[in-house]
Amino acid sequence: METHTAISAREQLDLLRAELERRGWLADHRGTPEKPFLHVRNPADAGFNDSVACCGDRYCWNWGPEIGAVDDVQGVANRIMHVLRVVGP
């Protein structure tokens, strides 16, 4: 019999934080215990930053749009890095 252990939003965000930091990106926990979020910054330019929340089984930008499923941490990290990338001339 398989048992399912619920993971809190903070724990889900910590998994994403660890993945981003493994890739050299900056991410830290913010918010409250009831509404935690990650503040993510591009290491090449801290002006490229945004906040990410965990909404049930999805990661979302704090301003609303979904980024991806919590079971796709690598894909979500890829999307965050794409959106917050520095685009040069």
C-alpha atoms as a PDB file:
ATOM      1  CA  MET A   1       0.000   0.000   0.000  1.00  0.00           C
ATOM      2  CA  GLU A   2       1.363   3.387  -0.993  1.00  0.00           C
ATOM      3  CA  THR A   3       1.050   6.282   1.416  1.00  0.00           C
ATOM      4  CA  HIS A   4       1.098   9.900   0.352  1.00  0.00           C
ATOM      5  CA  THR A   5       2.702  12.469   2.594  1.00  0.00           C
ATOM      6  CA  ALA A   6       1.557  16.017   1.980  1.00  0.00           C
ATOM      7  CA  ILE A   7       4.384  18.476   1.527  1.00  0.00           C
ATOM      8  CA  SER A   8       3.825  22.020   2.744  1.00  0.00           C
ATOM      9  CA  ALA A   9       4.080  25.014   0.432  1.00  0.00           C
ATOM     10  CA  ARG A  10       7.294  26.065   2.198  1.00  0.00           C
ATOM     11  CA  GLU A  11       8.817  22.615   1.632  1.00  0.00           C
ATOM     12  CA  GLN A  12       7.830  22.727  -2.056  1.00  0.00           C
ATOM     13  CA  LEU A  13       9.412  26.166  -2.358  1.00  0.00           C
ATOM     14  CA  ASP A  14      12.533  24.860  -0.637  1.00  0.00           C
ATOM     15  CA  LEU A  15      12.873  22.153  -3.303  1.00  0.00           C
ATOM     16  CA  LEU A  16      12.668  24.833  -5.989  1.00  0.00           C
ATOM     17  CA  ARG A  17      15.095  27.086  -4.092  1.00  0.00           C
ATOM     18  CA  ALA A  18      17.620  24.241  -3.877  1.00  0.00           C
ATOM     19  CA  GLU A  19      17.326  23.572  -7.627  1.00  0.00           C
ATOM     20  CA  LEU A  20      17.791  27.242  -8.515  1.00  0.00           C
ATOM     21  CA  GLU A  21      20.741  27.609  -6.152  1.00  0.00           C
ATOM     22  CA  ARG A  22      22.322  24.442  -7.591  1.00  0.00           C
ATOM     23  CA  ARG A  23      22.267  26.290 -10.925  1.00  0.00           C
ATOM     24  CA  GLY A  24      23.885  29.396  -9.412  1.00  0.00           C
ATOM     25  CA  TRP A  25      20.727  31.484  -9.076  1.00  0.00           C
ATOM     26  CA  LEU A  26      19.754  33.429  -5.955  1.00  0.00           C
ATOM     27  CA  ALA A  27      16.543  32.550  -4.121  1.00  0.00           C
ATOM     28  CA  ASP A  28      15.395  33.145  -0.573  1.00  0.00           C
ATOM     29  CA  HIS A  29      12.270  32.493   1.432  1.00  0.00           C
ATOM     30  CA  ARG A  30      10.003  35.423   2.164  1.00  0.00           C
ATOM     31  CA  GLY A  31       6.394  35.964   3.152  1.00  0.00           C
ATOM     32  CA  THR A  32       4.624  34.510   6.151  1.00  0.00           C
ATOM     33  CA  PRO A  33       4.164  30.932   7.344  1.00  0.00           C
ATOM     34  CA  GLU A  34       0.642  31.080   5.886  1.00  0.00           C
ATOM     35  CA  LYS A  35       1.735  32.645   2.572  1.00  0.00           C
ATOM     36  CA  PRO A  36       5.363  31.811   1.876  1.00  0.00           C
ATOM     37  CA  PHE A  37       7.073  32.679  -1.384  1.00  0.00           C
ATOM     38  CA  LEU A  38      10.525  32.714  -2.937  1.00  0.00           C
ATOM     39  CA  HIS A  39      12.237  35.862  -4.098  1.00  0.00           C
ATOM     40  CA  VAL A  40      14.319  34.768  -7.118  1.00  0.00           C
ATOM     41  CA  ARG A  41      17.101  36.887  -8.641  1.00  0.00           C
ATOM     42  CA  ASN A  42      19.227  36.479 -11.729  1.00  0.00           C
ATOM     43  CA  PRO A  43      22.866  36.336 -10.560  1.00  0.00           C
ATOM     44  CA  ALA A  44      24.019  38.295 -13.623  1.00  0.00           C
ATOM     45  CA  ASP A  45      21.661  41.206 -12.885  1.00  0.00           C
ATOM     46  CA  ALA A  46      19.690  41.368  -9.625  1.00  0.00           C
ATOM     47  CA  GLY A  47      17.274  43.772 -11.341  1.00  0.00           C
ATOM     48  CA  PHE A  48      15.823  40.708 -13.052  1.00  0.00           C
ATOM     49  CA  ASN A  49      13.882  39.262 -10.137  1.00  0.00           C
ATOM     50  CA  ASP A  50      10.414  38.124  -9.176  1.00  0.00           C
ATOM     51  CA  SER A  51       8.474  36.219  -6.558  1.00  0.00           C
ATOM     52  CA  VAL A  52       7.201  32.665  -6.837  1.00  0.00           C
ATOM     53  CA  ALA A  53       4.508  31.046  -4.696  1.00  0.00           C
ATOM     54  CA  CYS A  54       3.290  27.484  -4.331  1.00  0.00           C
ATOM     55  CA  CYS A  55      -0.448  27.244  -5.003  1.00  0.00           C
ATOM     56  CA  GLY A  56      -1.545  23.707  -4.207  1.00  0.00           C
ATOM     57  CA  ASP A  57       0.120  21.472  -6.780  1.00  0.00           C
ATOM     58  CA  ARG A  58       1.444  24.342  -8.930  1.00  0.00           C
ATOM     59  CA  TYR A  59       4.164  26.964  -8.756  1.00  0.00           C
ATOM     60  CA  CYS A  60       2.875  30.414  -9.731  1.00  0.00           C
ATOM     61  CA  TRP A  61       4.245  33.899 -10.109  1.00  0.00           C
ATOM     62  CA  ASN A  62       2.985  35.989  -7.179  1.00  0.00           C
ATOM     63  CA  TRP A  63       1.096  38.157  -9.684  1.00  0.00           C
ATOM     64  CA  GLY A  64      -0.923  35.155 -10.869  1.00  0.00           C
ATOM     65  CA  PRO A  65       0.187  33.109 -13.880  1.00  0.00           C
ATOM     66  CA  GLU A  66       1.103  29.471 -13.397  1.00  0.00           C
ATOM     67  CA  ILE A  67       4.710  28.425 -13.971  1.00  0.00           C
ATOM     68  CA  GLY A  68       4.325  24.656 -13.684  1.00  0.00           C
ATOM     69  CA  ALA A  69       3.580  21.617 -11.557  1.00  0.00           C
ATOM     70  CA  VAL A  70       5.347  21.000  -8.254  1.00  0.00           C
ATOM     71  CA  ASP A  71       6.429  17.580  -9.520  1.00  0.00           C
ATOM     72  CA  ASP A  72       8.437  19.273 -12.322  1.00  0.00           C
ATOM     73  CA  VAL A  73      10.941  21.284 -10.290  1.00  0.00           C
ATOM     74  CA  GLN A  74      13.576  21.214 -13.049  1.00  0.00           C
ATOM     75  CA  GLY A  75      11.086  22.398 -15.682  1.00  0.00           C
ATOM     76  CA  VAL A  76       9.839  25.173 -13.408  1.00  0.00           C
ATOM     77  CA  ALA A  77      13.420  26.272 -12.720  1.00  0.00           C
ATOM     78  CA  ASN A  78      14.031  26.341 -16.494  1.00  0.00           C
ATOM     79  CA  ARG A  79      10.981  28.561 -17.028  1.00  0.00           C
ATOM     80  CA  ILE A  80      11.934  30.949 -14.228  1.00  0.00           C
ATOM     81  CA  MET A  81      15.461  31.250 -15.602  1.00  0.00           C
ATOM     82  CA  HIS A  82      14.073  31.878 -19.085  1.00  0.00           C
ATOM     83  CA  VAL A  83      11.717  34.639 -17.942  1.00  0.00           C
ATOM     84  CA  LEU A  84      14.319  36.329 -15.732  1.00  0.00           C
ATOM     85  CA  ARG A  85      17.181  36.012 -18.231  1.00  0.00           C
ATOM     86  CA  VAL A  86      19.300  38.942 -19.308  1.00  0.00           C
ATOM     87  CA  VAL A  87      18.882  39.617 -23.011  1.00  0.00           C
ATOM     88  CA  GLY A  88      21.751  41.542 -24.511  1.00  0.00           C
ATOM     89  CA  PRO A  89      22.196  43.385 -27.773  1.00  0.00           C
END
